[in-house]
Amino acid sequence: MIRLVLLVAQKDLLIERRSRVLLWQVAPFGLMTLVLCGLAVGPNASTQAKLAPGLFYIVMMLVALLVINRTSQLESSRGTATSVQMLGIDPGAVFLGKGLAMFIQLSIVGTALLAGSTVLLHVPLHAGILTLPVLLLATATLSLAGVLYGRIAASSANAGTLLPALALPAFAPVLIAGERAFSSLITAGPLARWVWLLGIALGAYACVGLLLYGALEES
């Protein structure tokens, strides 16, 4: 199982390495959006720091949608899903492998955006460092949810517009918990409840994906 998960993740990462879309398109989009958010908020450093957690996670949602949509398009255009079915690979391993690949990609962009937030939105350095584990937990949740909803949307002829409509409501708990946790680290507020919420969401999407991904591939 673990070997299959790693092979699927390696395949997706190899495609990304060759295309470099993450490096030349997705990451610059995220950073430019972060800059625009900072300009929209205004020059007041305290206001920027106060609003930074929410702005950061909104940008992460948009970046996640780009990565999910691209992954779904690759699956459709290359006929990978059909090939996987013919090879008889465990759908659970495919789900986790694709989730792992997406997690690695989003973690790279998220770390860059977090570093950008400390400079562009005046987030305290200690809060930026301490929120990194929370960001990784939120990113893992986004990745599994993204693989699941990306597969649902891929079966439609209007996948590009259907995906945001399906995924954004599902991302709401991650947005809320991630933003509250980030804010708590800046203001020294309660943190544990939001980390627990992210953990529960991660477990829920993992269970649902393992149970349903095979049926979604066949549909």
Protein backbone atom coordinates (compact mmCIF):
# COMPACT_ATOMS: atom_id res chain seq x y z
CA MET A 1 0.00 0.00 0.00
CA ILE A 2 2.71 2.49 1.01
CA ARG A 3 4.75 1.65 -2.09
CA LEU A 4 1.75 2.28 -4.34
CA VAL A 5 1.02 5.58 -2.59
CA LEU A 6 4.61 6.71 -3.16
CA LEU A 7 4.54 5.62 -6.81
CA VAL A 8 1.35 7.59 -7.51
CA ALA A 9 2.77 10.65 -5.75
CA GLN A 10 6.03 10.31 -7.66
CA LYS A 11 4.14 10.21 -10.95
CA ASP A 12 2.24 13.42 -10.20
CA LEU A 13 5.35 15.21 -8.94
CA LEU A 14 7.32 14.13 -12.00
CA ILE A 15 4.67 15.66 -14.26
CA GLU A 16 4.86 18.88 -12.24
CA ARG A 17 8.65 18.90 -12.33
CA ARG A 18 8.64 18.68 -16.11
CA SER A 19 5.98 21.34 -16.63
CA ARG A 20 7.09 23.69 -13.81
CA VAL A 21 3.63 25.22 -13.69
CA LEU A 22 3.82 25.46 -9.90
CA LEU A 23 7.06 27.45 -10.07
CA TRP A 24 6.28 29.78 -12.96
CA GLN A 25 2.51 30.24 -12.68
CA VAL A 26 0.92 29.13 -9.40
CA ALA A 27 3.51 30.54 -6.97
CA PRO A 28 3.76 33.93 -8.74
CA PHE A 29 -0.05 34.14 -8.82
CA GLY A 30 -0.20 33.54 -5.06
CA LEU A 31 2.48 36.13 -4.29
CA MET A 32 0.92 38.74 -6.58
CA THR A 33 -2.48 38.17 -4.97
CA LEU A 34 -0.89 38.60 -1.54
CA VAL A 35 0.68 41.88 -2.68
CA LEU A 36 -2.69 43.12 -3.97
CA CYS A 37 -4.32 42.19 -0.66
CA GLY A 38 -1.70 44.23 1.18
CA LEU A 39 -2.29 47.21 -1.10
CA ALA A 40 -6.06 46.94 -0.67
CA VAL A 41 -5.80 46.92 3.13
CA GLY A 42 -3.65 50.06 3.16
CA PRO A 43 -0.28 51.07 4.60
CA ASN A 44 -1.19 50.73 8.28
CA ALA A 45 1.06 47.95 9.62
CA SER A 46 -1.17 47.03 12.59
CA THR A 47 -4.23 46.72 10.33
CA GLN A 48 -2.31 44.55 7.89
CA ALA A 49 -1.09 42.27 10.70
CA LYS A 50 -4.63 42.00 12.10
CA LEU A 51 -6.12 41.02 8.74
CA ALA A 52 -3.15 38.94 7.56
CA PRO A 53 -4.41 35.50 8.73
CA GLY A 54 -7.69 35.80 6.82
CA LEU A 55 -6.04 37.21 3.71
CA PHE A 56 -3.37 34.51 3.81
CA TYR A 57 -5.87 31.65 3.91
CA ILE A 58 -8.05 33.19 1.21
CA VAL A 59 -5.00 33.28 -1.05
CA MET A 60 -4.23 29.67 -0.09
CA MET A 61 -7.77 28.67 -1.12
CA LEU A 62 -7.28 30.27 -4.54
CA VAL A 63 -3.89 28.61 -4.99
CA ALA A 64 -5.35 25.26 -3.96
CA LEU A 65 -8.10 25.61 -6.57
CA LEU A 66 -5.49 26.22 -9.27
CA VAL A 67 -3.49 23.14 -8.27
CA ILE A 68 -6.59 20.96 -7.98
CA ASN A 69 -7.95 22.10 -11.33
CA ARG A 70 -4.62 21.45 -13.05
CA THR A 71 -4.38 17.97 -11.54
CA SER A 72 -7.92 17.17 -12.69
CA GLN A 73 -7.16 18.38 -16.22
CA LEU A 74 -4.06 16.21 -16.40
CA GLU A 75 -6.04 13.17 -15.35
CA SER A 76 -8.68 13.83 -18.01
CA SER A 77 -6.39 14.75 -20.89
CA ARG A 78 -3.90 11.95 -20.45
CA GLY A 79 -6.43 9.24 -19.67
CA THR A 80 -4.55 8.44 -16.49
CA ALA A 81 -7.65 7.46 -14.57
CA THR A 82 -8.54 4.84 -17.18
CA SER A 83 -4.99 3.50 -17.17
CA VAL A 84 -5.02 3.20 -13.38
CA GLN A 85 -8.28 1.26 -13.51
CA MET A 86 -6.85 -1.13 -16.11
CA LEU A 87 -3.76 -1.70 -13.97
CA GLY A 88 -5.95 -2.59 -11.01
CA ILE A 89 -4.22 -0.24 -8.58
CA ASP A 90 -5.98 0.11 -5.24
CA PRO A 91 -8.16 3.27 -5.43
CA GLY A 92 -7.26 4.07 -1.82
CA ALA A 93 -3.58 4.14 -2.75
CA VAL A 94 -4.35 6.39 -5.72
CA PHE A 95 -6.32 8.76 -3.48
CA LEU A 96 -3.58 8.96 -0.85
CA GLY A 97 -0.81 9.19 -3.45
CA LYS A 98 -2.46 12.07 -5.26
CA GLY A 99 -3.17 13.71 -1.92
CA LEU A 100 0.50 13.37 -0.94
CA ALA A 101 1.65 14.94 -4.22
CA MET A 102 -0.80 17.81 -3.83
CA PHE A 103 0.25 18.26 -0.19
CA ILE A 104 3.90 18.64 -1.21
CA GLN A 105 3.03 21.18 -3.91
CA LEU A 106 0.74 23.25 -1.68
CA SER A 107 3.22 23.12 1.20
CA ILE A 108 5.92 24.62 -1.00
CA VAL A 109 3.67 27.46 -2.15
CA GLY A 110 2.18 27.92 1.32
CA THR A 111 5.60 28.27 2.93
CA ALA A 112 6.56 30.89 0.34
CA LEU A 113 3.31 32.76 0.96
CA LEU A 114 3.85 32.59 4.72
CA ALA A 115 7.30 34.10 4.30
CA GLY A 116 5.76 36.74 2.06
CA SER A 117 3.16 37.53 4.72
CA THR A 118 5.84 38.38 7.27
CA VAL A 119 7.25 40.95 4.85
CA LEU A 120 4.20 42.23 2.97
CA LEU A 121 1.57 42.08 5.74
CA HIS A 122 3.84 42.70 8.75
CA VAL A 123 3.09 39.39 10.44
CA PRO A 124 5.36 38.95 13.50
CA LEU A 125 8.20 36.59 12.67
CA HIS A 126 7.56 34.35 15.69
CA ALA A 127 3.90 33.92 14.69
CA GLY A 128 4.90 33.05 11.14
CA ILE A 129 7.29 30.37 12.36
CA LEU A 130 4.91 28.93 14.94
CA THR A 131 2.00 28.74 12.50
CA LEU A 132 3.97 26.56 10.06
CA PRO A 133 2.85 23.23 11.66
CA VAL A 134 -0.75 24.46 11.60
CA LEU A 135 -0.32 25.43 7.95
CA LEU A 136 0.94 21.93 7.12
CA LEU A 137 -2.08 20.40 8.86
CA ALA A 138 -4.44 22.73 6.98
CA THR A 139 -2.63 21.99 3.72
CA ALA A 140 -2.99 18.24 4.24
CA THR A 141 -6.73 18.71 4.75
CA LEU A 142 -7.01 20.89 1.64
CA SER A 143 -5.09 18.30 -0.37
CA LEU A 144 -7.34 15.36 0.50
CA ALA A 145 -10.48 17.43 0.03
CA GLY A 146 -9.07 18.72 -3.25
CA VAL A 147 -8.39 15.26 -4.64
CA LEU A 148 -11.90 14.16 -3.70
CA TYR A 149 -13.77 17.14 -5.13
CA GLY A 150 -11.44 17.39 -8.10
CA ARG A 151 -12.40 13.86 -9.05
CA ILE A 152 -16.10 14.67 -8.67
CA ALA A 153 -15.78 17.77 -10.86
CA ALA A 154 -13.65 15.98 -13.47
CA SER A 155 -16.64 13.92 -14.58
CA SER A 156 -18.41 17.10 -15.72
CA ALA A 157 -17.88 18.94 -19.00
CA ASN A 158 -17.75 22.18 -16.99
CA ALA A 159 -15.15 21.03 -14.48
CA GLY A 160 -13.36 24.39 -14.37
CA THR A 161 -16.42 26.25 -13.12
CA LEU A 162 -17.95 23.38 -11.15
CA LEU A 163 -14.86 22.79 -9.01
CA PRO A 164 -14.97 26.11 -7.09
CA ALA A 165 -18.70 25.69 -6.45
CA LEU A 166 -18.09 22.24 -4.96
CA ALA A 167 -14.79 22.79 -3.20
CA LEU A 168 -15.10 26.22 -1.59
CA PRO A 169 -17.93 25.24 0.81
CA ALA A 170 -15.89 22.18 1.78
CA PHE A 171 -12.85 24.38 2.37
CA ALA A 172 -14.78 26.61 4.80
CA PRO A 173 -13.81 24.67 7.98
CA VAL A 174 -10.15 24.80 6.93
CA LEU A 175 -10.37 28.52 6.22
CA ILE A 176 -12.03 29.26 9.56
CA ALA A 177 -9.82 27.01 11.69
CA GLY A 178 -6.61 28.01 9.93
CA GLU A 179 -7.39 31.73 10.21
CA ARG A 180 -8.37 31.46 13.88
CA ALA A 181 -5.25 29.45 14.71
CA PHE A 182 -3.02 31.95 12.89
CA SER A 183 -4.74 34.86 14.67
CA SER A 184 -4.34 33.09 18.01
CA LEU A 185 -0.60 32.84 17.48
CA ILE A 186 -0.43 36.57 16.74
CA THR A 187 -2.62 37.63 19.68
CA ALA A 188 -1.70 34.80 22.12
CA GLY A 189 -5.29 33.52 22.09
CA PRO A 190 -6.66 29.96 22.43
CA LEU A 191 -5.20 27.62 19.83
CA ALA A 192 -5.99 24.00 20.68
CA ARG A 193 -9.65 23.98 19.56
CA TRP A 194 -8.74 25.12 16.05
CA VAL A 195 -5.97 22.57 15.71
CA TRP A 196 -8.43 19.89 16.81
CA LEU A 197 -10.93 21.07 14.20
CA LEU A 198 -8.30 20.80 11.47
CA GLY A 199 -7.35 17.32 12.68
CA ILE A 200 -10.98 16.18 12.66
CA ALA A 201 -11.50 17.57 9.15
CA LEU A 202 -8.34 15.80 7.95
CA GLY A 203 -9.50 12.49 9.39
CA ALA A 204 -12.99 12.91 7.94
CA TYR A 205 -11.74 13.60 4.42
CA ALA A 206 -9.25 10.74 4.64
CA CYS A 207 -12.00 8.28 5.60
CA VAL A 208 -14.47 9.54 3.00
CA GLY A 209 -11.83 9.51 0.28
CA LEU A 210 -10.68 5.98 1.06
CA LEU A 211 -14.27 4.76 1.00
CA LEU A 212 -15.57 6.60 -2.07
CA TYR A 213 -12.64 7.32 -4.39
CA GLY A 214 -12.94 3.95 -6.11
CA ALA A 215 -16.62 4.54 -6.86
CA LEU A 216 -15.83 8.02 -8.19
CA GLU A 217 -13.19 6.61 -10.54
CA GLU A 218 -15.71 4.17 -11.99
CA SER A 219 -18.41 6.81 -12.50
